[in-house]
Amino acid sequence: MLEALSQSAVREAGAMLQFVIYRRVSTEEQGRSGLGLEAQDRDIALFLETYAETPFEVIGEFTDVLSGKGDDRPQLQAALDLVRSRGATLLVAKLDRLSRKVSFIASIMDDKRVNLRVASMPYADKFSLHIYAALAEQEREFISLRTRQALAAAKARGVKLGGDRGNIAQINAAKRAKADAFAETVEGIVKPLKERGATLREIAEALNAAGVQTRGGGRWHPNTVSRVVARLETA
């Protein structure tokens, strides 16, 4: 509500709403090749075209090529400095582009000089984003723990989890075990949405918004959701 009031006051005063865009990719390779940046640019452009109050202007764009686990973000700090000095709004594609640590995200949202908007959650206020960050962190921790336990159980059954050992049956069994274990880790998100009648695309969008990656480390699409749903239904 405070954010809405402050932005309304800006418009009434005749000033143009200003955005500072922040993007983050995880490795030098991604930074050089543009992998991950295109998806963020697409989401940010969609937000600006569809949800941003008008008139507006983008007064700065900053990109870090760093892991989401660390807190040392020189480009994010520069973006925040500009936001504070100009009374602008920080715009990110997804919440996990700021960090995967809820404590770090909370420190930004607690700063009264920082307005924050997340393109993939255009109607979320700071309170909602704080809760969402906490839930996403718990989900990632649970996924990691459950995957390790499932693989350990498969290994105990004699399934070889490494590369080709000359036994195709065991290799295929290992692949199935990994796929089944991963499907179970996202069941808590996928199954309730499916039961409420959500489409495969809507489920994919929910997983992407939560910062949950596919087993291969990419974004979700209807076909990848479909494969997970099929595994859960036959489990």
C-alpha atoms as a PDB file:
ATOM      1  CA  MET A   1       0.000   0.000   0.000  1.00  0.00           C
ATOM      2  CA  LEU A   2       2.812   2.419   0.878  1.00  0.00           C
ATOM      3  CA  GLU A   3       4.448   1.659  -2.475  1.00  0.00           C
ATOM      4  CA  ALA A   4       1.194   2.302  -4.306  1.00  0.00           C
ATOM      5  CA  LEU A   5       0.711   5.602  -2.463  1.00  0.00           C
ATOM      6  CA  SER A   6       4.245   6.755  -3.153  1.00  0.00           C
ATOM      7  CA  GLN A   7       3.944   5.946  -6.866  1.00  0.00           C
ATOM      8  CA  SER A   8       0.565   7.683  -6.976  1.00  0.00           C
ATOM      9  CA  ALA A   9       2.128  10.750  -5.391  1.00  0.00           C
ATOM     10  CA  VAL A  10       4.836  10.695  -8.048  1.00  0.00           C
ATOM     11  CA  ARG A  11       2.241  10.732 -10.815  1.00  0.00           C
ATOM     12  CA  GLU A  12       0.206  13.498  -9.155  1.00  0.00           C
ATOM     13  CA  ALA A  13       3.329  15.602  -8.879  1.00  0.00           C
ATOM     14  CA  GLY A  14       3.845  15.238 -12.621  1.00  0.00           C
ATOM     15  CA  ALA A  15       7.067  13.259 -12.269  1.00  0.00           C
ATOM     16  CA  MET A  16       7.689  10.232 -14.417  1.00  0.00           C
ATOM     17  CA  LEU A  17       7.915   6.838 -12.712  1.00  0.00           C
ATOM     18  CA  GLN A  18      11.481   5.573 -12.964  1.00  0.00           C
ATOM     19  CA  PHE A  19      12.707   1.985 -13.076  1.00  0.00           C
ATOM     20  CA  VAL A  20      16.179   0.581 -12.462  1.00  0.00           C
ATOM     21  CA  ILE A  21      16.544  -2.892 -13.987  1.00  0.00           C
ATOM     22  CA  TYR A  22      18.714  -5.527 -12.311  1.00  0.00           C
ATOM     23  CA  ARG A  23      19.613  -8.874 -13.861  1.00  0.00           C
ATOM     24  CA  ARG A  24      21.787 -11.723 -12.618  1.00  0.00           C
ATOM     25  CA  VAL A  25      23.239 -14.834 -14.218  1.00  0.00           C
ATOM     26  CA  SER A  26      25.224 -17.464 -12.397  1.00  0.00           C
ATOM     27  CA  THR A  27      28.411 -18.041 -14.374  1.00  0.00           C
ATOM     28  CA  GLU A  28      30.856 -16.275 -16.654  1.00  0.00           C
ATOM     29  CA  GLU A  29      29.729 -18.539 -19.481  1.00  0.00           C
ATOM     30  CA  GLN A  30      26.118 -17.430 -19.088  1.00  0.00           C
ATOM     31  CA  GLY A  31      27.234 -13.811 -18.984  1.00  0.00           C
ATOM     32  CA  ARG A  32      29.163 -14.148 -22.233  1.00  0.00           C
ATOM     33  CA  SER A  33      26.639 -16.227 -24.129  1.00  0.00           C
ATOM     34  CA  GLY A  34      23.503 -14.464 -22.961  1.00  0.00           C
ATOM     35  CA  LEU A  35      21.978 -17.674 -21.596  1.00  0.00           C
ATOM     36  CA  GLY A  36      19.477 -16.705 -18.937  1.00  0.00           C
ATOM     37  CA  LEU A  37      19.598 -13.015 -19.835  1.00  0.00           C
ATOM     38  CA  GLU A  38      17.158 -13.371 -22.719  1.00  0.00           C
ATOM     39  CA  ALA A  39      14.534 -14.923 -20.458  1.00  0.00           C
ATOM     40  CA  GLN A  40      14.949 -12.144 -17.903  1.00  0.00           C
ATOM     41  CA  ASP A  41      14.746  -9.483 -20.612  1.00  0.00           C
ATOM     42  CA  ARG A  42      11.571 -11.078 -21.963  1.00  0.00           C
ATOM     43  CA  ASP A  43       9.849 -11.079 -18.561  1.00  0.00           C
ATOM     44  CA  ILE A  44      10.912  -7.505 -17.804  1.00  0.00           C
ATOM     45  CA  ALA A  45       9.722  -6.278 -21.213  1.00  0.00           C
ATOM     46  CA  LEU A  46       6.372  -8.015 -20.688  1.00  0.00           C
ATOM     47  CA  PHE A  47       5.980  -6.338 -17.302  1.00  0.00           C
ATOM     48  CA  LEU A  48       6.809  -2.892 -18.654  1.00  0.00           C
ATOM     49  CA  GLU A  49       4.450  -3.300 -21.611  1.00  0.00           C
ATOM     50  CA  THR A  50       1.546  -4.741 -19.624  1.00  0.00           C
ATOM     51  CA  TYR A  51       1.715  -3.856 -15.938  1.00  0.00           C
ATOM     52  CA  ALA A  52       3.880  -0.764 -15.426  1.00  0.00           C
ATOM     53  CA  GLU A  53       2.204   2.497 -14.513  1.00  0.00           C
ATOM     54  CA  THR A  54       2.582   5.065 -17.264  1.00  0.00           C
ATOM     55  CA  PRO A  55       4.383   7.203 -18.046  1.00  0.00           C
ATOM     56  CA  PHE A  56       7.653   5.602 -16.984  1.00  0.00           C
ATOM     57  CA  GLU A  57      11.304   5.566 -17.946  1.00  0.00           C
ATOM     58  CA  VAL A  58      14.190   3.158 -17.404  1.00  0.00           C
ATOM     59  CA  ILE A  59      17.077   5.145 -15.934  1.00  0.00           C
ATOM     60  CA  GLY A  60      19.592   2.325 -15.442  1.00  0.00           C
ATOM     61  CA  GLU A  61      20.337  -1.325 -16.163  1.00  0.00           C
ATOM     62  CA  PHE A  62      22.766  -3.448 -14.152  1.00  0.00           C
ATOM     63  CA  THR A  63      23.882  -7.074 -14.494  1.00  0.00           C
ATOM     64  CA  ASP A  64      25.888  -9.278 -12.108  1.00  0.00           C
ATOM     65  CA  VAL A  65      27.497 -12.534 -13.229  1.00  0.00           C
ATOM     66  CA  LEU A  66      27.555 -14.236  -9.854  1.00  0.00           C
ATOM     67  CA  SER A  67      26.070 -17.137  -7.928  1.00  0.00           C
ATOM     68  CA  GLY A  68      22.776 -16.603  -6.145  1.00  0.00           C
ATOM     69  CA  LYS A  69      24.299 -17.886  -2.903  1.00  0.00           C
ATOM     70  CA  GLY A  70      26.712 -15.002  -2.266  1.00  0.00           C
ATOM     71  CA  ASP A  71      25.843 -11.539  -0.986  1.00  0.00           C
ATOM     72  CA  ASP A  72      28.641  -9.575  -2.664  1.00  0.00           C
ATOM     73  CA  ARG A  73      26.868  -8.021  -5.662  1.00  0.00           C
ATOM     74  CA  PRO A  74      28.665  -4.907  -6.954  1.00  0.00           C
ATOM     75  CA  GLN A  75      26.159  -4.262  -9.744  1.00  0.00           C
ATOM     76  CA  LEU A  76      23.192  -4.788  -7.439  1.00  0.00           C
ATOM     77  CA  GLN A  77      24.723  -2.328  -4.987  1.00  0.00           C
ATOM     78  CA  ALA A  78      25.107   0.198  -7.802  1.00  0.00           C
ATOM     79  CA  ALA A  79      21.486  -0.367  -8.819  1.00  0.00           C
ATOM     80  CA  LEU A  80      20.286   0.131  -5.238  1.00  0.00           C
ATOM     81  CA  ASP A  81      22.349   3.308  -4.884  1.00  0.00           C
ATOM     82  CA  LEU A  82      20.653   4.711  -7.978  1.00  0.00           C
ATOM     83  CA  VAL A  83      17.217   3.643  -6.725  1.00  0.00           C
ATOM     84  CA  ARG A  84      17.770   5.378  -3.392  1.00  0.00           C
ATOM     85  CA  SER A  85      19.197   8.566  -4.870  1.00  0.00           C
ATOM     86  CA  ARG A  86      16.451   8.987  -7.472  1.00  0.00           C
ATOM     87  CA  GLY A  87      13.448   7.555  -5.632  1.00  0.00           C
ATOM     88  CA  ALA A  88      13.158   4.967  -8.394  1.00  0.00           C
ATOM     89  CA  THR A  89      11.831   1.397  -8.401  1.00  0.00           C
ATOM     90  CA  LEU A  90      14.089  -1.641  -8.635  1.00  0.00           C
ATOM     91  CA  LEU A  91      12.743  -4.110 -11.217  1.00  0.00           C
ATOM     92  CA  VAL A  92      13.867  -7.749 -11.448  1.00  0.00           C
ATOM     93  CA  ALA A  93      12.536 -10.599 -13.579  1.00  0.00           C
ATOM     94  CA  LYS A  94      12.203 -13.071 -10.695  1.00  0.00           C
ATOM     95  CA  LEU A  95      12.741 -12.829  -6.965  1.00  0.00           C
ATOM     96  CA  ASP A  96      15.637 -15.295  -7.007  1.00  0.00           C
ATOM     97  CA  ARG A  97      17.585 -12.927  -9.272  1.00  0.00           C
ATOM     98  CA  LEU A  98      18.186 -10.833  -6.146  1.00  0.00           C
ATOM     99  CA  SER A  99      19.310 -13.838  -4.114  1.00  0.00           C
ATOM    100  CA  ARG A 100      18.372 -17.361  -3.114  1.00  0.00           C
ATOM    101  CA  LYS A 101      18.762 -16.381   0.562  1.00  0.00           C
ATOM    102  CA  VAL A 102      15.621 -15.059   2.217  1.00  0.00           C
ATOM    103  CA  SER A 103      17.676 -13.040   4.722  1.00  0.00           C
ATOM    104  CA  PHE A 104      19.375 -11.120   1.911  1.00  0.00           C
ATOM    105  CA  ILE A 105      16.081 -10.459   0.121  1.00  0.00           C
ATOM    106  CA  ALA A 106      14.497  -9.347   3.404  1.00  0.00           C
ATOM    107  CA  SER A 107      17.266  -6.806   4.011  1.00  0.00           C
ATOM    108  CA  ILE A 108      16.463  -5.179   0.659  1.00  0.00           C
ATOM    109  CA  MET A 109      12.712  -5.193   1.185  1.00  0.00           C
ATOM    110  CA  ASP A 110      13.104  -3.739   4.690  1.00  0.00           C
ATOM    111  CA  ASP A 111      14.874  -0.685   3.245  1.00  0.00           C
ATOM    112  CA  LYS A 112      12.203   2.039   3.175  1.00  0.00           C
ATOM    113  CA  ARG A 113      14.123   3.859   0.435  1.00  0.00           C
ATOM    114  CA  VAL A 114      13.798   0.925  -1.959  1.00  0.00           C
ATOM    115  CA  ASN A 115      10.667   0.191  -4.005  1.00  0.00           C
ATOM    116  CA  LEU A 116      10.796  -3.304  -5.488  1.00  0.00           C
ATOM    117  CA  ARG A 117       8.786  -4.860  -8.315  1.00  0.00           C
ATOM    118  CA  VAL A 118       9.112  -8.431  -9.612  1.00  0.00           C
ATOM    119  CA  ALA A 119       8.107  -8.872 -13.249  1.00  0.00           C
ATOM    120  CA  SER A 120       6.866 -12.462 -12.860  1.00  0.00           C
ATOM    121  CA  MET A 121       4.676 -11.423  -9.890  1.00  0.00           C
ATOM    122  CA  PRO A 122       3.332  -8.041 -11.027  1.00  0.00           C
ATOM    123  CA  TYR A 123       0.728  -7.622  -8.290  1.00  0.00           C
ATOM    124  CA  ALA A 124       2.821  -8.765  -5.313  1.00  0.00           C
ATOM    125  CA  ASP A 125       3.635  -6.233  -2.598  1.00  0.00           C
ATOM    126  CA  LYS A 126       6.652  -6.379  -0.275  1.00  0.00           C
ATOM    127  CA  PHE A 127       4.819  -8.433   2.345  1.00  0.00           C
ATOM    128  CA  SER A 128       3.794 -11.047  -0.212  1.00  0.00           C
ATOM    129  CA  LEU A 129       7.308 -11.155  -1.687  1.00  0.00           C
ATOM    130  CA  HIS A 130       8.819 -11.698   1.765  1.00  0.00           C
ATOM    131  CA  ILE A 131       6.575 -14.689   2.420  1.00  0.00           C
ATOM    132  CA  TYR A 132       7.196 -16.041  -1.071  1.00  0.00           C
ATOM    133  CA  ALA A 133      10.975 -15.801  -0.630  1.00  0.00           C
ATOM    134  CA  ALA A 134      10.782 -17.779   2.618  1.00  0.00           C
ATOM    135  CA  LEU A 135       8.611 -20.491   1.061  1.00  0.00           C
ATOM    136  CA  ALA A 136      10.865 -20.760  -2.004  1.00  0.00           C
ATOM    137  CA  GLU A 137      13.953 -21.176   0.187  1.00  0.00           C
ATOM    138  CA  GLN A 138      12.269 -23.953   2.180  1.00  0.00           C
ATOM    139  CA  GLU A 139      11.192 -25.671  -1.045  1.00  0.00           C
ATOM    140  CA  ARG A 140      14.732 -25.612  -2.456  1.00  0.00           C
ATOM    141  CA  GLU A 141      16.166 -27.052   0.767  1.00  0.00           C
ATOM    142  CA  PHE A 142      13.550 -29.802   0.795  1.00  0.00           C
ATOM    143  CA  ILE A 143      14.160 -30.655  -2.880  1.00  0.00           C
ATOM    144  CA  SER A 144      17.904 -30.941  -2.273  1.00  0.00           C
ATOM    145  CA  LEU A 145      17.460 -33.154   0.800  1.00  0.00           C
ATOM    146  CA  ARG A 146      14.871 -35.418  -0.774  1.00  0.00           C
ATOM    147  CA  THR A 147      16.931 -35.885  -3.943  1.00  0.00           C
ATOM    148  CA  ARG A 148      19.999 -36.923  -1.926  1.00  0.00           C
ATOM    149  CA  GLN A 149      17.948 -39.397   0.092  1.00  0.00           C
ATOM    150  CA  ALA A 150      16.341 -40.909  -3.019  1.00  0.00           C
ATOM    151  CA  LEU A 151      19.688 -41.353  -4.742  1.00  0.00           C
ATOM    152  CA  ALA A 152      21.191 -42.876  -1.603  1.00  0.00           C
ATOM    153  CA  ALA A 153      18.310 -45.361  -1.474  1.00  0.00           C
ATOM    154  CA  ALA A 154      18.840 -46.247  -5.147  1.00  0.00           C
ATOM    155  CA  LYS A 155      22.544 -46.764  -4.526  1.00  0.00           C
ATOM    156  CA  ALA A 156      21.764 -49.033  -1.574  1.00  0.00           C
ATOM    157  CA  ARG A 157      19.645 -51.194  -3.897  1.00  0.00           C
ATOM    158  CA  GLY A 158      22.714 -51.728  -6.069  1.00  0.00           C
ATOM    159  CA  VAL A 159      21.913 -49.133  -8.731  1.00  0.00           C
ATOM    160  CA  LYS A 160      25.114 -47.603 -10.122  1.00  0.00           C
ATOM    161  CA  LEU A 161      24.668 -43.849 -10.349  1.00  0.00           C
ATOM    162  CA  GLY A 162      27.784 -42.971 -12.325  1.00  0.00           C
ATOM    163  CA  GLY A 163      28.528 -43.217 -16.024  1.00  0.00           C
ATOM    164  CA  ASP A 164      28.586 -46.203 -18.345  1.00  0.00           C
ATOM    165  CA  ARG A 165      29.831 -49.314 -16.529  1.00  0.00           C
ATOM    166  CA  GLY A 166      28.895 -51.688 -19.349  1.00  0.00           C
ATOM    167  CA  ASN A 167      25.517 -52.542 -17.880  1.00  0.00           C
ATOM    168  CA  ILE A 168      22.724 -50.848 -19.840  1.00  0.00           C
ATOM    169  CA  ALA A 169      19.986 -52.134 -17.525  1.00  0.00           C
ATOM    170  CA  GLN A 170      21.613 -50.589 -14.480  1.00  0.00           C
ATOM    171  CA  ILE A 171      22.301 -47.345 -16.325  1.00  0.00           C
ATOM    172  CA  ASN A 172      18.658 -47.085 -17.358  1.00  0.00           C
ATOM    173  CA  ALA A 173      17.557 -47.958 -13.829  1.00  0.00           C
ATOM    174  CA  ALA A 174      19.756 -45.178 -12.466  1.00  0.00           C
ATOM    175  CA  LYS A 175      18.258 -42.685 -14.899  1.00  0.00           C
ATOM    176  CA  ARG A 176      14.747 -43.716 -13.942  1.00  0.00           C
ATOM    177  CA  ALA A 177      15.608 -43.479 -10.247  1.00  0.00           C
ATOM    178  CA  LYS A 178      16.919 -39.941 -10.678  1.00  0.00           C
ATOM    179  CA  ALA A 179      13.895 -38.886 -12.734  1.00  0.00           C
ATOM    180  CA  ASP A 180      11.453 -40.439 -10.259  1.00  0.00           C
ATOM    181  CA  ALA A 181      13.243 -38.846  -7.313  1.00  0.00           C
ATOM    182  CA  PHE A 182      13.123 -35.439  -8.942  1.00  0.00           C
ATOM    183  CA  ALA A 183       9.441 -35.773  -9.848  1.00  0.00           C
ATOM    184  CA  GLU A 184       8.669 -36.475  -6.204  1.00  0.00           C
ATOM    185  CA  THR A 185      10.520 -33.337  -5.071  1.00  0.00           C
ATOM    186  CA  VAL A 186       8.185 -31.061  -7.054  1.00  0.00           C
ATOM    187  CA  GLU A 187       5.044 -33.051  -6.269  1.00  0.00           C
ATOM    188  CA  GLY A 188       4.121 -30.561  -3.531  1.00  0.00           C
ATOM    189  CA  ILE A 189       3.734 -27.831  -6.149  1.00  0.00           C
ATOM    190  CA  VAL A 190       2.596 -29.785  -9.203  1.00  0.00           C
ATOM    191  CA  LYS A 191      -0.037 -32.068  -7.684  1.00  0.00           C
ATOM    192  CA  PRO A 192      -2.176 -29.427  -5.886  1.00  0.00           C
ATOM    193  CA  LEU A 193      -2.204 -27.228  -9.001  1.00  0.00           C
ATOM    194  CA  LYS A 194      -3.151 -30.181 -11.217  1.00  0.00           C
ATOM    195  CA  GLU A 195      -5.973 -31.139  -8.862  1.00  0.00           C
ATOM    196  CA  ARG A 196      -7.322 -27.576  -9.019  1.00  0.00           C
ATOM    197  CA  GLY A 197      -7.483 -27.817 -12.796  1.00  0.00           C
ATOM    198  CA  ALA A 198      -4.405 -25.784 -13.692  1.00  0.00           C
ATOM    199  CA  THR A 199      -3.104 -26.285 -17.211  1.00  0.00           C
ATOM    200  CA  LEU A 200       0.401 -27.581 -17.910  1.00  0.00           C
ATOM    201  CA  ARG A 201       1.427 -24.062 -18.958  1.00  0.00           C
ATOM    202  CA  GLU A 202       0.084 -22.571 -15.728  1.00  0.00           C
ATOM    203  CA  ILE A 203       1.964 -25.154 -13.674  1.00  0.00           C
ATOM    204  CA  ALA A 204       5.143 -24.394 -15.624  1.00  0.00           C
ATOM    205  CA  GLU A 205       4.707 -20.676 -14.949  1.00  0.00           C
ATOM    206  CA  ALA A 206       4.202 -21.346 -11.230  1.00  0.00           C
ATOM    207  CA  LEU A 207       7.391 -23.423 -11.032  1.00  0.00           C
ATOM    208  CA  ASN A 208       9.377 -20.791 -12.927  1.00  0.00           C
ATOM    209  CA  ALA A 209       8.032 -18.024 -10.685  1.00  0.00           C
ATOM    210  CA  ALA A 210       9.079 -20.059  -7.630  1.00  0.00           C
ATOM    211  CA  GLY A 211      12.633 -20.266  -8.929  1.00  0.00           C
ATOM    212  CA  VAL A 212      12.438 -24.057  -9.179  1.00  0.00           C
ATOM    213  CA  GLN A 213      14.513 -25.389 -12.071  1.00  0.00           C
ATOM    214  CA  THR A 214      13.954 -28.516 -14.130  1.00  0.00           C
ATOM    215  CA  ARG A 215      16.112 -31.595 -13.500  1.00  0.00           C
ATOM    216  CA  GLY A 216      18.451 -30.308 -16.210  1.00  0.00           C
ATOM    217  CA  GLY A 217      18.710 -26.870 -14.600  1.00  0.00           C
ATOM    218  CA  GLY A 218      16.479 -25.035 -17.073  1.00  0.00           C
ATOM    219  CA  ARG A 219      13.071 -23.379 -17.247  1.00  0.00           C
ATOM    220  CA  TRP A 220       9.806 -25.293 -17.151  1.00  0.00           C
ATOM    221  CA  HIS A 221       7.601 -25.724 -20.212  1.00  0.00           C
ATOM    222  CA  PRO A 222       4.316 -27.615 -20.667  1.00  0.00           C
ATOM    223  CA  ASN A 223       6.113 -30.679 -22.068  1.00  0.00           C
ATOM    224  CA  THR A 224       8.518 -30.922 -19.099  1.00  0.00           C
ATOM    225  CA  VAL A 225       5.602 -30.581 -16.684  1.00  0.00           C
ATOM    226  CA  SER A 226       3.750 -33.281 -18.627  1.00  0.00           C
ATOM    227  CA  ARG A 227       6.618 -35.749 -18.115  1.00  0.00           C
ATOM    228  CA  VAL A 228       6.683 -35.071 -14.384  1.00  0.00           C
ATOM    229  CA  VAL A 229       2.894 -35.457 -14.126  1.00  0.00           C
ATOM    230  CA  ALA A 230       3.113 -38.795 -15.947  1.00  0.00           C
ATOM    231  CA  ARG A 231       5.758 -40.056 -13.528  1.00  0.00           C
ATOM    232  CA  LEU A 232       3.733 -38.983 -10.499  1.00  0.00           C
ATOM    233  CA  GLU A 233       0.600 -40.693 -11.851  1.00  0.00           C
ATOM    234  CA  THR A 234       2.447 -44.002 -12.370  1.00  0.00           C
ATOM    235  CA  ALA A 235       4.404 -43.874  -9.119  1.00  0.00           C
END
